[in-house]
N, C-alpha and C. Protein backbone atom coordinates (compact mmCIF):
# COMPACT_ATOMS: atom_id res chain seq x y z
N MET A 1 0.85 -1.17 0.00
CA MET A 1 0.00 0.00 0.00
C MET A 1 0.89 1.24 0.00
N ALA A 2 0.60 2.20 -0.85
CA ALA A 2 1.38 3.43 -0.95
C ALA A 2 1.02 4.37 0.17
N ALA A 3 1.97 5.24 0.54
CA ALA A 3 1.74 6.21 1.61
C ALA A 3 0.56 7.11 1.27
N ALA A 4 0.40 7.44 0.00
CA ALA A 4 -0.69 8.33 -0.40
C ALA A 4 -2.05 7.67 -0.19
N ASP A 5 -2.08 6.34 -0.13
CA ASP A 5 -3.34 5.64 0.06
C ASP A 5 -3.78 5.59 1.51
N LEU A 6 -2.91 5.97 2.42
CA LEU A 6 -3.22 5.87 3.84
C LEU A 6 -4.26 6.88 4.30
N LEU A 7 -4.22 8.07 3.75
CA LEU A 7 -5.20 9.09 4.09
C LEU A 7 -5.88 9.56 2.82
N PRO A 8 -7.20 9.59 2.79
CA PRO A 8 -7.86 10.09 1.60
C PRO A 8 -7.73 11.60 1.52
N GLY A 9 -7.54 12.11 0.31
CA GLY A 9 -7.51 13.55 0.11
C GLY A 9 -6.23 14.18 0.58
N PRO A 10 -6.22 15.52 0.61
CA PRO A 10 -5.02 16.24 1.01
C PRO A 10 -4.75 16.08 2.50
N PRO A 11 -3.51 16.39 2.94
CA PRO A 11 -3.22 16.26 4.36
C PRO A 11 -4.07 17.25 5.15
N PRO A 12 -4.41 16.91 6.39
CA PRO A 12 -5.25 17.80 7.18
C PRO A 12 -4.52 19.10 7.51
N SER A 13 -5.27 20.16 7.66
CA SER A 13 -4.70 21.45 8.03
C SER A 13 -4.71 21.58 9.54
N LEU A 14 -4.11 22.67 10.05
CA LEU A 14 -4.13 22.91 11.48
C LEU A 14 -5.57 23.07 11.96
N ALA A 15 -6.42 23.69 11.14
CA ALA A 15 -7.84 23.83 11.51
C ALA A 15 -8.49 22.46 11.64
N ASP A 16 -8.15 21.53 10.74
CA ASP A 16 -8.68 20.18 10.83
C ASP A 16 -8.23 19.52 12.13
N CYS A 17 -6.98 19.77 12.50
CA CYS A 17 -6.45 19.20 13.75
C CYS A 17 -7.21 19.75 14.95
N ARG A 18 -7.51 21.04 14.90
CA ARG A 18 -8.28 21.64 15.99
C ARG A 18 -9.64 20.94 16.12
N LEU A 19 -10.29 20.71 14.97
CA LEU A 19 -11.59 20.04 14.99
C LEU A 19 -11.46 18.62 15.51
N GLU A 20 -10.45 17.90 15.01
CA GLU A 20 -10.25 16.52 15.42
C GLU A 20 -9.96 16.43 16.91
N ALA A 21 -9.08 17.28 17.39
CA ALA A 21 -8.74 17.28 18.82
C ALA A 21 -9.97 17.65 19.64
N GLY A 22 -10.76 18.59 19.14
CA GLY A 22 -11.98 18.99 19.83
C GLY A 22 -12.96 17.84 19.92
N ARG A 23 -13.07 17.06 18.83
CA ARG A 23 -13.96 15.91 18.84
C ARG A 23 -13.51 14.88 19.86
N LYS A 24 -12.23 14.84 20.10
CA LYS A 24 -11.70 13.87 21.04
C LYS A 24 -11.76 14.40 22.48
N GLY A 25 -12.46 15.52 22.69
CA GLY A 25 -12.67 16.01 24.05
C GLY A 25 -11.57 16.91 24.56
N ASN A 26 -10.89 17.62 23.70
CA ASN A 26 -9.78 18.45 24.15
C ASN A 26 -10.06 19.92 23.87
N GLU A 27 -11.28 20.38 24.16
CA GLU A 27 -11.65 21.75 23.86
C GLU A 27 -10.79 22.77 24.61
N ARG A 28 -10.41 22.45 25.86
CA ARG A 28 -9.59 23.39 26.64
C ARG A 28 -8.25 23.65 25.99
N ALA A 29 -7.73 22.65 25.29
CA ALA A 29 -6.43 22.81 24.63
C ALA A 29 -6.49 23.89 23.57
N VAL A 30 -7.61 23.99 22.87
CA VAL A 30 -7.75 25.00 21.83
C VAL A 30 -7.66 26.39 22.45
N LEU A 31 -8.34 26.58 23.58
CA LEU A 31 -8.35 27.89 24.22
C LEU A 31 -6.98 28.32 24.73
N GLY A 32 -6.21 27.36 25.22
CA GLY A 32 -4.93 27.71 25.81
C GLY A 32 -3.73 27.50 24.90
N ALA A 33 -3.96 27.04 23.69
CA ALA A 33 -2.85 26.66 22.81
C ALA A 33 -1.92 27.82 22.50
N VAL A 34 -2.47 28.97 22.22
CA VAL A 34 -1.62 30.10 21.84
C VAL A 34 -0.74 30.53 23.00
N SER A 35 -1.30 30.61 24.19
CA SER A 35 -0.47 31.03 25.32
C SER A 35 0.59 29.98 25.66
N ARG A 36 0.25 28.70 25.51
CA ARG A 36 1.22 27.65 25.80
C ARG A 36 2.28 27.53 24.72
N ALA A 37 2.01 28.08 23.54
CA ALA A 37 2.96 27.98 22.44
C ALA A 37 4.27 28.67 22.76
N ARG A 38 4.23 29.62 23.65
CA ARG A 38 5.45 30.35 24.00
C ARG A 38 6.26 29.62 25.08
N VAL A 39 5.64 28.63 25.71
CA VAL A 39 6.29 27.91 26.79
C VAL A 39 6.91 26.62 26.24
N ALA A 40 8.04 26.25 26.72
CA ALA A 40 8.70 25.00 26.34
C ALA A 40 8.79 24.85 24.83
N ALA A 41 9.39 25.80 24.18
CA ALA A 41 9.46 25.82 22.72
C ALA A 41 10.45 24.83 22.15
N GLY A 42 11.02 23.98 22.95
CA GLY A 42 11.83 22.92 22.39
C GLY A 42 13.32 23.09 22.61
N GLY A 43 13.74 24.13 23.27
CA GLY A 43 15.14 24.31 23.56
C GLY A 43 15.89 25.03 22.47
N PRO A 44 17.07 25.54 22.80
CA PRO A 44 17.82 26.36 21.87
C PRO A 44 18.32 25.62 20.63
N GLU A 45 18.57 24.29 20.73
CA GLU A 45 19.10 23.61 19.55
C GLU A 45 18.09 23.57 18.41
N MET A 46 16.80 23.52 18.68
CA MET A 46 15.80 23.50 17.62
C MET A 46 15.65 24.87 16.96
N ALA A 47 16.07 25.92 17.63
CA ALA A 47 16.00 27.26 17.05
C ALA A 47 16.88 27.36 15.81
N LYS A 48 17.88 26.48 15.70
CA LYS A 48 18.74 26.46 14.52
C LYS A 48 17.98 25.97 13.29
N PHE A 49 16.98 25.14 13.51
CA PHE A 49 16.29 24.48 12.40
C PHE A 49 14.93 25.07 12.09
N PHE A 50 14.26 25.63 13.08
CA PHE A 50 12.90 26.14 12.91
C PHE A 50 12.84 27.61 13.31
N SER A 51 12.00 28.36 12.61
CA SER A 51 11.76 29.75 13.01
C SER A 51 10.85 29.75 14.24
N GLN A 52 10.78 30.87 14.92
CA GLN A 52 9.91 30.96 16.10
C GLN A 52 8.45 30.75 15.69
N ASP A 53 8.07 31.25 14.51
CA ASP A 53 6.70 31.05 14.03
C ASP A 53 6.40 29.57 13.82
N GLN A 54 7.37 28.83 13.25
CA GLN A 54 7.17 27.39 13.06
C GLN A 54 7.03 26.69 14.40
N ILE A 55 7.91 27.03 15.33
CA ILE A 55 7.85 26.40 16.66
C ILE A 55 6.50 26.69 17.31
N ASN A 56 6.02 27.91 17.18
CA ASN A 56 4.72 28.26 17.77
C ASN A 56 3.59 27.46 17.12
N GLU A 57 3.64 27.33 15.80
CA GLU A 57 2.61 26.55 15.10
C GLU A 57 2.67 25.08 15.53
N TYR A 58 3.87 24.53 15.60
CA TYR A 58 4.04 23.14 16.02
C TYR A 58 3.53 22.95 17.45
N LYS A 59 3.85 23.90 18.31
CA LYS A 59 3.43 23.80 19.71
C LYS A 59 1.92 23.87 19.83
N GLU A 60 1.29 24.71 19.01
CA GLU A 60 -0.17 24.82 19.06
C GLU A 60 -0.81 23.49 18.68
N CYS A 61 -0.36 22.90 17.60
CA CYS A 61 -0.93 21.62 17.17
C CYS A 61 -0.61 20.53 18.19
N PHE A 62 0.60 20.49 18.68
CA PHE A 62 1.01 19.52 19.69
C PHE A 62 0.10 19.63 20.91
N SER A 63 -0.18 20.87 21.32
CA SER A 63 -1.01 21.11 22.51
C SER A 63 -2.44 20.61 22.33
N LEU A 64 -2.92 20.61 21.10
CA LEU A 64 -4.27 20.12 20.85
C LEU A 64 -4.40 18.63 21.17
N TYR A 65 -3.31 17.90 21.07
CA TYR A 65 -3.32 16.47 21.36
C TYR A 65 -2.77 16.15 22.75
N ASP A 66 -2.38 17.16 23.49
CA ASP A 66 -1.89 16.99 24.86
C ASP A 66 -3.12 16.96 25.77
N LYS A 67 -3.78 15.81 25.80
CA LYS A 67 -5.08 15.67 26.46
C LYS A 67 -5.07 16.07 27.94
N GLN A 68 -4.02 15.69 28.64
CA GLN A 68 -3.97 15.96 30.08
C GLN A 68 -3.16 17.21 30.40
N GLN A 69 -2.78 17.95 29.40
CA GLN A 69 -2.01 19.18 29.55
C GLN A 69 -0.78 18.98 30.44
N ARG A 70 -0.02 17.92 30.10
CA ARG A 70 1.21 17.61 30.82
C ARG A 70 2.44 17.86 29.96
N GLY A 71 2.24 18.41 28.75
CA GLY A 71 3.37 18.64 27.87
C GLY A 71 3.78 17.39 27.11
N LYS A 72 2.87 16.42 26.97
CA LYS A 72 3.18 15.17 26.28
C LYS A 72 1.98 14.75 25.42
N ILE A 73 2.30 14.07 24.31
CA ILE A 73 1.25 13.47 23.50
C ILE A 73 1.48 11.97 23.45
N LYS A 74 0.42 11.25 23.12
CA LYS A 74 0.55 9.79 22.98
C LYS A 74 1.29 9.49 21.68
N ALA A 75 2.07 8.46 21.71
CA ALA A 75 2.80 8.02 20.51
C ALA A 75 1.83 7.70 19.39
N THR A 76 0.63 7.23 19.74
CA THR A 76 -0.36 6.88 18.72
C THR A 76 -0.89 8.12 17.98
N ASP A 77 -0.72 9.31 18.55
CA ASP A 77 -1.16 10.55 17.90
C ASP A 77 -0.08 11.19 17.03
N LEU A 78 1.14 10.68 17.08
CA LEU A 78 2.26 11.30 16.38
C LEU A 78 2.01 11.43 14.87
N LEU A 79 1.51 10.39 14.23
CA LEU A 79 1.25 10.41 12.79
C LEU A 79 0.31 11.56 12.44
N MET A 80 -0.79 11.69 13.17
CA MET A 80 -1.78 12.73 12.88
C MET A 80 -1.20 14.12 13.12
N VAL A 81 -0.47 14.31 14.19
CA VAL A 81 0.10 15.62 14.48
C VAL A 81 1.09 16.03 13.39
N MET A 82 1.94 15.10 12.98
CA MET A 82 2.90 15.41 11.91
C MET A 82 2.18 15.76 10.61
N ARG A 83 1.14 15.00 10.29
CA ARG A 83 0.40 15.27 9.05
C ARG A 83 -0.36 16.59 9.13
N CYS A 84 -0.85 16.93 10.29
CA CYS A 84 -1.54 18.22 10.46
C CYS A 84 -0.59 19.38 10.19
N LEU A 85 0.67 19.16 10.40
CA LEU A 85 1.67 20.21 10.22
C LEU A 85 2.33 20.15 8.85
N GLY A 86 1.78 19.34 7.95
CA GLY A 86 2.26 19.34 6.57
C GLY A 86 3.27 18.28 6.22
N ALA A 87 3.72 17.49 7.19
CA ALA A 87 4.65 16.40 6.89
C ALA A 87 3.83 15.22 6.37
N SER A 88 4.49 14.28 5.73
CA SER A 88 3.80 13.12 5.16
C SER A 88 4.46 11.81 5.57
N PRO A 89 4.56 11.57 6.86
CA PRO A 89 5.22 10.32 7.27
C PRO A 89 4.32 9.11 7.02
N THR A 90 4.95 8.00 6.74
CA THR A 90 4.23 6.73 6.65
C THR A 90 4.18 6.16 8.08
N PRO A 91 3.31 5.19 8.33
CA PRO A 91 3.31 4.57 9.66
C PRO A 91 4.68 3.97 10.00
N GLY A 92 5.36 3.41 9.01
CA GLY A 92 6.69 2.85 9.26
C GLY A 92 7.70 3.90 9.67
N GLU A 93 7.63 5.07 9.03
CA GLU A 93 8.55 6.16 9.39
C GLU A 93 8.27 6.64 10.81
N VAL A 94 7.00 6.74 11.18
CA VAL A 94 6.65 7.16 12.54
C VAL A 94 7.19 6.14 13.54
N GLN A 95 7.03 4.85 13.22
CA GLN A 95 7.55 3.81 14.10
C GLN A 95 9.06 3.92 14.27
N ARG A 96 9.77 4.23 13.18
CA ARG A 96 11.24 4.40 13.28
C ARG A 96 11.61 5.60 14.14
N HIS A 97 10.86 6.71 14.00
CA HIS A 97 11.13 7.88 14.85
C HIS A 97 10.97 7.50 16.32
N LEU A 98 9.90 6.78 16.62
CA LEU A 98 9.65 6.38 18.01
C LEU A 98 10.74 5.44 18.51
N GLN A 99 11.14 4.48 17.69
CA GLN A 99 12.19 3.53 18.09
C GLN A 99 13.52 4.25 18.33
N THR A 100 13.83 5.23 17.49
CA THR A 100 15.07 5.99 17.64
C THR A 100 15.15 6.64 19.02
N HIS A 101 13.99 7.05 19.53
CA HIS A 101 13.94 7.74 20.83
C HIS A 101 13.52 6.81 21.96
N GLY A 102 13.48 5.50 21.68
CA GLY A 102 13.16 4.53 22.72
C GLY A 102 11.74 4.64 23.25
N ILE A 103 10.80 5.01 22.40
CA ILE A 103 9.40 5.16 22.81
C ILE A 103 8.59 4.07 22.13
N ASP A 104 7.83 3.30 22.92
CA ASP A 104 7.00 2.27 22.29
C ASP A 104 5.66 2.85 21.88
N ARG A 105 4.86 2.05 21.18
CA ARG A 105 3.59 2.54 20.63
C ARG A 105 2.62 3.02 21.70
N ASN A 106 2.75 2.52 22.91
CA ASN A 106 1.85 2.92 23.99
C ASN A 106 2.44 4.04 24.84
N GLY A 107 3.60 4.54 24.45
CA GLY A 107 4.29 5.57 25.23
C GLY A 107 3.83 6.98 24.90
N GLU A 108 4.57 7.93 25.44
CA GLU A 108 4.30 9.35 25.23
C GLU A 108 5.61 10.04 24.86
N LEU A 109 5.48 11.21 24.24
CA LEU A 109 6.67 11.99 23.93
C LEU A 109 6.42 13.45 24.27
N ASP A 110 7.50 14.14 24.67
CA ASP A 110 7.38 15.55 25.01
C ASP A 110 7.62 16.41 23.76
N PHE A 111 7.45 17.71 23.90
CA PHE A 111 7.53 18.61 22.76
C PHE A 111 8.93 18.67 22.17
N SER A 112 9.94 18.65 23.02
CA SER A 112 11.31 18.69 22.53
C SER A 112 11.62 17.47 21.65
N THR A 113 11.19 16.30 22.09
CA THR A 113 11.38 15.08 21.30
C THR A 113 10.58 15.17 20.01
N PHE A 114 9.37 15.70 20.09
CA PHE A 114 8.54 15.88 18.90
C PHE A 114 9.24 16.78 17.89
N LEU A 115 9.82 17.88 18.34
CA LEU A 115 10.53 18.78 17.42
C LEU A 115 11.69 18.07 16.73
N THR A 116 12.40 17.26 17.48
CA THR A 116 13.51 16.51 16.90
C THR A 116 13.00 15.56 15.83
N MET A 117 11.88 14.90 16.10
CA MET A 117 11.29 13.98 15.12
C MET A 117 10.79 14.73 13.89
N MET A 118 10.16 15.90 14.10
CA MET A 118 9.67 16.70 12.97
C MET A 118 10.84 17.13 12.09
N HIS A 119 11.93 17.56 12.73
CA HIS A 119 13.10 17.99 11.97
C HIS A 119 13.62 16.85 11.11
N ALA A 120 13.74 15.66 11.71
CA ALA A 120 14.23 14.49 10.95
C ALA A 120 13.28 14.16 9.81
N GLN A 121 11.97 14.24 10.05
CA GLN A 121 10.99 13.91 9.02
C GLN A 121 11.05 14.91 7.87
N ILE A 122 11.11 16.19 8.20
CA ILE A 122 11.14 17.23 7.17
C ILE A 122 12.41 17.12 6.34
N LYS A 123 13.53 16.83 7.01
CA LYS A 123 14.79 16.68 6.30
C LYS A 123 14.72 15.57 5.26
N GLN A 124 14.05 14.48 5.60
CA GLN A 124 13.99 13.35 4.66
C GLN A 124 12.92 13.54 3.59
N GLU A 125 12.04 14.50 3.76
CA GLU A 125 10.96 14.73 2.80
C GLU A 125 11.30 15.86 1.84
N ASP A 126 12.45 15.83 1.27
CA ASP A 126 12.85 16.87 0.33
C ASP A 126 12.04 16.70 -0.95
N PRO A 127 11.10 17.62 -1.23
CA PRO A 127 10.24 17.42 -2.41
C PRO A 127 11.02 17.40 -3.72
N LYS A 128 12.07 18.18 -3.83
CA LYS A 128 12.85 18.20 -5.07
C LYS A 128 13.44 16.82 -5.32
N LYS A 129 13.96 16.22 -4.27
CA LYS A 129 14.58 14.90 -4.40
C LYS A 129 13.53 13.85 -4.76
N GLU A 130 12.35 13.91 -4.12
CA GLU A 130 11.29 12.95 -4.42
C GLU A 130 10.84 13.05 -5.87
N ILE A 131 10.65 14.27 -6.35
CA ILE A 131 10.20 14.47 -7.73
C ILE A 131 11.27 13.98 -8.70
N LEU A 132 12.53 14.33 -8.40
CA LEU A 132 13.62 13.90 -9.27
C LEU A 132 13.69 12.37 -9.35
N LEU A 133 13.58 11.71 -8.22
CA LEU A 133 13.63 10.24 -8.22
C LEU A 133 12.49 9.66 -9.04
N ALA A 134 11.30 10.22 -8.91
CA ALA A 134 10.15 9.73 -9.68
C ALA A 134 10.38 9.93 -11.17
N MET A 135 10.93 11.09 -11.54
CA MET A 135 11.15 11.36 -12.96
C MET A 135 12.27 10.48 -13.51
N LEU A 136 13.30 10.24 -12.71
CA LEU A 136 14.39 9.37 -13.16
C LEU A 136 13.90 7.94 -13.41
N MET A 137 12.97 7.48 -12.58
CA MET A 137 12.42 6.14 -12.78
C MET A 137 11.62 6.07 -14.07
N ALA A 138 11.01 7.19 -14.46
CA ALA A 138 10.23 7.21 -15.70
C ALA A 138 11.13 7.33 -16.94
N ASP A 139 12.33 7.87 -16.75
CA ASP A 139 13.25 8.09 -17.87
C ASP A 139 14.21 6.92 -17.99
N LYS A 140 13.73 5.87 -18.62
CA LYS A 140 14.52 4.64 -18.74
C LYS A 140 15.80 4.84 -19.54
N GLU A 141 15.77 5.75 -20.51
CA GLU A 141 16.94 5.97 -21.37
C GLU A 141 17.88 7.06 -20.85
N LYS A 142 17.57 7.63 -19.70
CA LYS A 142 18.42 8.65 -19.04
C LYS A 142 18.72 9.84 -19.96
N LYS A 143 17.65 10.38 -20.56
CA LYS A 143 17.79 11.51 -21.48
C LYS A 143 17.78 12.86 -20.76
N GLY A 144 17.32 12.89 -19.51
CA GLY A 144 17.23 14.16 -18.79
C GLY A 144 15.88 14.83 -18.93
N TYR A 145 14.98 14.18 -19.63
CA TYR A 145 13.63 14.72 -19.79
C TYR A 145 12.67 13.56 -20.05
N ILE A 146 11.38 13.84 -19.85
CA ILE A 146 10.35 12.90 -20.28
C ILE A 146 9.32 13.71 -21.07
N MET A 147 8.55 13.02 -21.85
CA MET A 147 7.52 13.70 -22.64
C MET A 147 6.38 14.11 -21.72
N ALA A 148 5.78 15.25 -22.03
CA ALA A 148 4.67 15.77 -21.22
C ALA A 148 3.53 14.76 -21.15
N SER A 149 3.28 14.06 -22.23
CA SER A 149 2.19 13.07 -22.24
C SER A 149 2.47 11.93 -21.25
N GLU A 150 3.74 11.53 -21.15
CA GLU A 150 4.10 10.47 -20.21
C GLU A 150 3.96 10.97 -18.77
N LEU A 151 4.38 12.22 -18.52
CA LEU A 151 4.24 12.79 -17.19
C LEU A 151 2.76 12.90 -16.82
N ARG A 152 1.94 13.34 -17.78
CA ARG A 152 0.49 13.45 -17.55
C ARG A 152 -0.07 12.08 -17.14
N SER A 153 0.32 11.05 -17.86
CA SER A 153 -0.17 9.71 -17.57
C SER A 153 0.20 9.29 -16.15
N LYS A 154 1.43 9.54 -15.76
CA LYS A 154 1.88 9.15 -14.42
C LYS A 154 1.14 9.95 -13.35
N LEU A 155 0.95 11.24 -13.57
CA LEU A 155 0.29 12.09 -12.58
C LEU A 155 -1.19 11.76 -12.40
N THR A 156 -1.81 11.22 -13.44
CA THR A 156 -3.24 10.91 -13.35
C THR A 156 -3.52 9.46 -12.95
N LYS A 157 -2.47 8.62 -12.94
CA LYS A 157 -2.71 7.20 -12.67
C LYS A 157 -1.98 6.65 -11.45
N LEU A 158 -0.95 7.34 -10.97
CA LEU A 158 -0.14 6.79 -9.89
C LEU A 158 -0.22 7.65 -8.63
N GLY A 159 -0.01 7.01 -7.48
CA GLY A 159 0.07 7.74 -6.22
C GLY A 159 -1.19 8.52 -5.93
N GLU A 160 -1.02 9.76 -5.50
CA GLU A 160 -2.16 10.64 -5.25
C GLU A 160 -2.57 11.21 -6.60
N LYS A 161 -3.52 10.57 -7.22
CA LYS A 161 -3.89 10.87 -8.61
C LYS A 161 -4.42 12.30 -8.78
N LEU A 162 -3.91 12.99 -9.81
CA LEU A 162 -4.40 14.31 -10.15
C LEU A 162 -5.46 14.18 -11.24
N THR A 163 -6.37 15.15 -11.30
CA THR A 163 -7.34 15.17 -12.39
C THR A 163 -6.64 15.77 -13.61
N HIS A 164 -7.25 15.61 -14.77
CA HIS A 164 -6.67 16.19 -15.99
C HIS A 164 -6.61 17.70 -15.88
N LYS A 165 -7.62 18.31 -15.24
CA LYS A 165 -7.61 19.76 -15.05
C LYS A 165 -6.45 20.19 -14.15
N GLU A 166 -6.19 19.43 -13.09
CA GLU A 166 -5.06 19.75 -12.21
C GLU A 166 -3.74 19.65 -12.96
N VAL A 167 -3.61 18.65 -13.80
CA VAL A 167 -2.39 18.50 -14.60
C VAL A 167 -2.27 19.66 -15.59
N ASP A 168 -3.39 20.04 -16.23
CA ASP A 168 -3.38 21.19 -17.14
C ASP A 168 -2.91 22.45 -16.40
N ASP A 169 -3.43 22.67 -15.19
CA ASP A 169 -3.04 23.84 -14.40
C ASP A 169 -1.55 23.79 -14.05
N LEU A 170 -1.08 22.62 -13.65
CA LEU A 170 0.33 22.44 -13.31
C LEU A 170 1.21 22.71 -14.52
N PHE A 171 0.85 22.16 -15.66
CA PHE A 171 1.62 22.38 -16.89
C PHE A 171 1.62 23.86 -17.27
N ARG A 172 0.48 24.51 -17.13
CA ARG A 172 0.40 25.94 -17.47
C ARG A 172 1.33 26.75 -16.55
N GLU A 173 1.28 26.46 -15.24
CA GLU A 173 2.13 27.18 -14.29
C GLU A 173 3.62 26.94 -14.57
N ALA A 174 3.95 25.73 -14.99
CA ALA A 174 5.36 25.38 -15.24
C ALA A 174 5.78 25.71 -16.67
N GLY A 175 4.86 26.20 -17.49
CA GLY A 175 5.19 26.56 -18.87
C GLY A 175 5.48 25.36 -19.75
N ILE A 176 4.76 24.27 -19.55
CA ILE A 176 4.99 23.04 -20.31
C ILE A 176 3.94 22.93 -21.42
N GLU A 177 4.40 22.72 -22.62
CA GLU A 177 3.50 22.50 -23.75
C GLU A 177 2.92 21.08 -23.63
N PRO A 178 1.63 20.88 -23.95
CA PRO A 178 1.01 19.56 -23.81
C PRO A 178 1.76 18.44 -24.53
N ASN A 179 2.39 18.73 -25.66
CA ASN A 179 3.12 17.70 -26.40
C ASN A 179 4.63 17.89 -26.32
N GLY A 180 5.06 18.70 -25.37
CA GLY A 180 6.48 19.02 -25.28
C GLY A 180 7.27 18.08 -24.39
N LYS A 181 8.54 18.44 -24.22
CA LYS A 181 9.44 17.70 -23.35
C LYS A 181 9.48 18.40 -21.99
N VAL A 182 9.64 17.61 -20.95
CA VAL A 182 9.73 18.14 -19.59
C VAL A 182 11.13 17.83 -19.07
N LYS A 183 11.96 18.88 -18.94
CA LYS A 183 13.30 18.70 -18.39
C LYS A 183 13.20 18.71 -16.86
N TYR A 184 13.83 17.72 -16.23
CA TYR A 184 13.71 17.56 -14.78
C TYR A 184 14.04 18.83 -14.01
N ASP A 185 15.25 19.34 -14.22
CA ASP A 185 15.72 20.45 -13.38
C ASP A 185 14.81 21.67 -13.50
N GLU A 186 14.39 22.01 -14.71
CA GLU A 186 13.51 23.17 -14.90
C GLU A 186 12.15 22.93 -14.25
N PHE A 187 11.59 21.74 -14.45
CA PHE A 187 10.28 21.41 -13.91
C PHE A 187 10.31 21.45 -12.39
N ILE A 188 11.30 20.81 -11.80
CA ILE A 188 11.40 20.76 -10.33
C ILE A 188 11.55 22.16 -9.77
N HIS A 189 12.39 22.97 -10.40
CA HIS A 189 12.58 24.34 -9.92
C HIS A 189 11.26 25.13 -9.97
N LYS A 190 10.54 25.00 -11.05
CA LYS A 190 9.30 25.77 -11.21
C LYS A 190 8.21 25.35 -10.24
N ILE A 191 8.08 24.05 -9.96
CA ILE A 191 6.98 23.63 -9.11
C ILE A 191 7.32 23.62 -7.62
N THR A 192 8.59 23.82 -7.27
CA THR A 192 8.94 23.84 -5.84
C THR A 192 9.31 25.23 -5.34
N ILE A 193 9.13 26.25 -6.17
CA ILE A 193 9.35 27.61 -5.70
C ILE A 193 8.31 27.92 -4.65
N PRO A 194 8.71 28.42 -3.48
CA PRO A 194 7.73 28.71 -2.44
C PRO A 194 6.70 29.73 -2.91
N VAL A 195 5.46 29.52 -2.51
CA VAL A 195 4.38 30.46 -2.82
C VAL A 195 4.58 31.70 -1.97
N GLN A 196 4.45 32.87 -2.59
CA GLN A 196 4.62 34.10 -1.85
C GLN A 196 3.45 34.28 -0.88
N ASP A 197 3.77 34.66 0.34
CA ASP A 197 2.77 34.88 1.36
C ASP A 197 2.67 36.38 1.60
N TYR A 198 1.57 36.96 1.18
CA TYR A 198 1.42 38.40 1.31
C TYR A 198 0.77 38.79 2.60
């Protein structure tokens, strides 16, 4: 089973996490999440890897799953918390993170440990590298490009399937002609440029 098949649709947003945590009886966490976000931000070593805004966002989501407000979440909630924050770990990857820190499936983890796990997960989820590997597997002759029609076929049939309209939009944004060639480096650069936040 592919990782994309584990959750239907796009990854949940922080708002979805708030709703999910609320359904699980953690309404007080929502009210206090912002104030607690400034407390126990994970220590100075994580400041090297995450901005204060990221740490605050991570702490808010983490707090939503901290049912007893002890600064810990259940290991069983780790997958959902990571996905709420935009990471895409598989259950196996989550299990490896827990094993690395000596935490079993019935255990708990604190925020500092969670930040360390998030950093490791984000580091391994380099989208440019993932896209390049997928394109290299499609390019059997190692030409440095694949035909747009072949890319369209893969995007609509494999993994998290895109609709033809989504592929059309992607091609338009990346400046790809429907019958043209898609060079890896140019395509990856165009689709992984961060969206401007105004």
